[in-house]
């Protein structure tokens, strides 16, 4: 399981870098262009991805008070991309240091409604990387709708 999740972490960091490189090559006005999806535009989707990676990181670190990037900052697209990529690299680096025993541990956290939960570390990590894959797929579709051809 450890090697599988390490490969997911490395893929997540690589894929986030690849998709955001393509987004940053697009005209800036397209970052805010409304496209029907889970989030209204490329910018909001990237910001949501950063929020998710950051929130889960803070939960795993045991932070009682969460700093949510979309609520704490008003980043432009490049800043949101940098935040996401830095967080993805932090996850990948952590996955290269973690042990199988640590992945099998449970930890307690509160969701955004304040409800208490207990989950296995490996389950959270697996969920996080799947979440990124889902939204990267949406980003590709949104980019194609906005005229990007070489994705």
Protein backbone atom coordinates (compact mmCIF):
# COMPACT_ATOMS: atom_id res chain seq x y z
CA UNK A 1 0.00 0.00 0.00
CA UNK A 2 2.81 2.42 0.84
CA UNK A 3 4.38 2.23 -2.63
CA UNK A 4 1.01 2.62 -4.32
CA UNK A 5 0.16 5.76 -2.33
CA UNK A 6 3.66 7.13 -2.90
CA UNK A 7 3.14 6.73 -6.64
CA UNK A 8 -0.27 8.46 -6.34
CA UNK A 9 1.39 11.35 -4.50
CA UNK A 10 4.08 11.72 -7.14
CA UNK A 11 1.48 11.51 -9.90
CA UNK A 12 -0.71 14.09 -8.14
CA UNK A 13 2.18 16.58 -7.95
CA UNK A 14 3.18 15.94 -11.58
CA UNK A 15 -0.39 16.11 -12.90
CA UNK A 16 -1.14 19.32 -10.98
CA UNK A 17 2.03 20.87 -12.40
CA UNK A 18 1.15 19.74 -15.93
CA UNK A 19 -2.46 20.97 -15.93
CA UNK A 20 -1.66 24.28 -14.25
CA UNK A 21 1.20 24.94 -16.70
CA UNK A 22 -1.36 24.59 -19.50
CA UNK A 23 -3.85 26.85 -17.70
CA UNK A 24 -1.24 29.57 -17.19
CA UNK A 25 -0.47 29.50 -20.92
CA UNK A 26 -4.08 30.45 -21.68
CA UNK A 27 -5.22 34.07 -21.93
CA UNK A 28 -5.85 35.38 -18.41
CA UNK A 29 -9.44 36.42 -19.13
CA UNK A 30 -10.27 32.74 -19.76
CA UNK A 31 -9.37 31.84 -16.15
CA UNK A 32 -12.57 33.58 -14.99
CA UNK A 33 -14.74 32.66 -17.99
CA UNK A 34 -17.92 30.87 -16.89
CA UNK A 35 -18.05 27.21 -17.95
CA UNK A 36 -20.70 24.78 -16.72
CA UNK A 37 -19.02 22.41 -14.24
CA UNK A 38 -18.84 21.77 -10.49
CA UNK A 39 -17.22 25.19 -10.12
CA UNK A 40 -17.95 28.14 -12.40
CA UNK A 41 -14.49 28.58 -13.93
CA UNK A 42 -10.89 27.41 -14.06
CA UNK A 43 -9.84 29.76 -11.27
CA UNK A 44 -12.51 28.56 -8.82
CA UNK A 45 -11.65 24.93 -9.57
CA UNK A 46 -7.91 25.42 -8.97
CA UNK A 47 -8.68 27.35 -5.77
CA UNK A 48 -10.95 24.52 -4.57
CA UNK A 49 -8.20 21.98 -5.24
CA UNK A 50 -5.76 24.07 -3.19
CA UNK A 51 -8.34 24.38 -0.41
CA UNK A 52 -8.83 20.60 -0.29
CA UNK A 53 -5.13 19.73 -0.23
CA UNK A 54 -4.44 22.40 2.38
CA UNK A 55 -7.39 21.52 4.63
CA UNK A 56 -6.55 17.81 4.66
CA UNK A 57 -2.89 18.62 5.35
CA UNK A 58 -3.85 20.76 8.33
CA UNK A 59 -6.23 18.10 9.64
CA UNK A 60 -3.50 15.47 9.39
CA UNK A 61 -1.15 17.81 11.26
CA UNK A 62 -3.76 18.15 14.02
CA UNK A 63 -4.54 21.85 13.58
CA UNK A 64 -7.64 22.83 15.54
CA UNK A 65 -8.12 26.04 13.55
CA UNK A 66 -7.98 25.61 9.77
CA UNK A 67 -6.60 28.24 7.43
CA UNK A 68 -8.62 27.96 4.23
CA UNK A 69 -6.77 29.56 1.31
CA UNK A 70 -9.92 30.74 -0.50
CA UNK A 71 -11.16 32.47 2.65
CA UNK A 72 -7.83 33.85 3.89
CA UNK A 73 -6.36 35.14 0.63
CA UNK A 74 -7.54 36.74 -2.58
CA UNK A 75 -4.98 35.18 -4.89
CA UNK A 76 -4.74 35.67 -8.61
CA UNK A 77 -4.50 32.52 -10.74
CA UNK A 78 -0.69 32.34 -10.58
CA UNK A 79 -0.74 32.63 -6.77
CA UNK A 80 -3.49 29.98 -6.50
CA UNK A 81 -1.47 27.68 -8.78
CA UNK A 82 1.66 28.23 -6.69
CA UNK A 83 -0.28 27.48 -3.50
CA UNK A 84 -1.67 24.26 -4.97
CA UNK A 85 1.70 23.14 -6.34
CA UNK A 86 3.52 23.87 -3.07
CA UNK A 87 0.91 21.88 -1.14
CA UNK A 88 1.10 18.99 -3.65
CA UNK A 89 4.88 18.85 -3.29
CA UNK A 90 4.49 18.85 0.50
CA UNK A 91 2.14 15.85 0.26
CA UNK A 92 4.57 14.05 -2.06
CA UNK A 93 7.52 14.74 0.21
CA UNK A 94 5.56 13.53 3.25
CA UNK A 95 4.54 10.35 1.43
CA UNK A 96 8.23 9.61 0.83
CA UNK A 97 8.91 9.85 4.58
CA UNK A 98 5.83 8.14 6.02
CA UNK A 99 5.83 4.49 7.10
CA UNK A 100 3.22 1.84 6.41
CA UNK A 101 2.50 1.79 10.14
CA UNK A 102 1.74 5.53 10.11
CA UNK A 103 -0.61 5.09 7.14
CA UNK A 104 -2.56 2.42 9.03
CA UNK A 105 -3.21 4.69 12.01
CA UNK A 106 -6.54 6.40 12.59
CA UNK A 107 -6.87 10.08 13.32
CA UNK A 108 -9.70 12.30 14.51
CA UNK A 109 -10.82 15.45 12.74
CA UNK A 110 -13.82 17.70 12.25
CA UNK A 111 -15.45 18.32 8.91
CA UNK A 112 -16.44 21.78 7.70
CA UNK A 113 -19.75 21.48 9.61
CA UNK A 114 -17.86 20.80 12.85
CA UNK A 115 -18.87 17.13 13.00
CA UNK A 116 -16.32 14.71 14.46
CA UNK A 117 -14.95 11.81 12.43
CA UNK A 118 -12.24 9.18 12.69
CA UNK A 119 -10.55 7.92 9.53
CA UNK A 120 -7.52 5.90 8.57
CA UNK A 121 -4.63 8.01 7.32
CA UNK A 122 -4.37 5.87 4.18
CA UNK A 123 -8.07 6.41 3.44
CA UNK A 124 -7.73 10.17 3.63
CA UNK A 125 -4.62 10.19 1.44
CA UNK A 126 -6.30 7.94 -1.12
CA UNK A 127 -9.41 10.15 -1.11
CA UNK A 128 -7.33 13.30 -1.53
CA UNK A 129 -5.49 12.03 -4.59
CA UNK A 130 -8.73 10.74 -6.17
CA UNK A 131 -10.29 14.14 -5.52
CA UNK A 132 -7.48 15.82 -7.45
CA UNK A 133 -7.92 13.42 -10.36
CA UNK A 134 -11.63 14.21 -10.54
CA UNK A 135 -11.09 17.96 -10.69
CA UNK A 136 -8.18 17.75 -13.13
CA UNK A 137 -10.57 15.93 -15.48
CA UNK A 138 -13.01 18.79 -15.08
CA UNK A 139 -10.25 21.31 -15.78
CA UNK A 140 -9.37 19.54 -19.04
CA UNK A 141 -13.01 19.58 -20.14
CA UNK A 142 -13.37 23.26 -19.18
CA UNK A 143 -10.18 24.13 -21.06
CA UNK A 144 -11.45 22.37 -24.18
CA UNK A 145 -14.73 24.28 -23.90
CA UNK A 146 -12.64 27.47 -23.79
CA UNK A 147 -10.80 26.53 -26.98
CA UNK A 148 -7.65 24.78 -25.76
CA UNK A 149 -6.71 22.06 -28.23
CA UNK A 150 -3.39 20.55 -27.11
CA UNK A 151 -4.16 19.11 -23.69
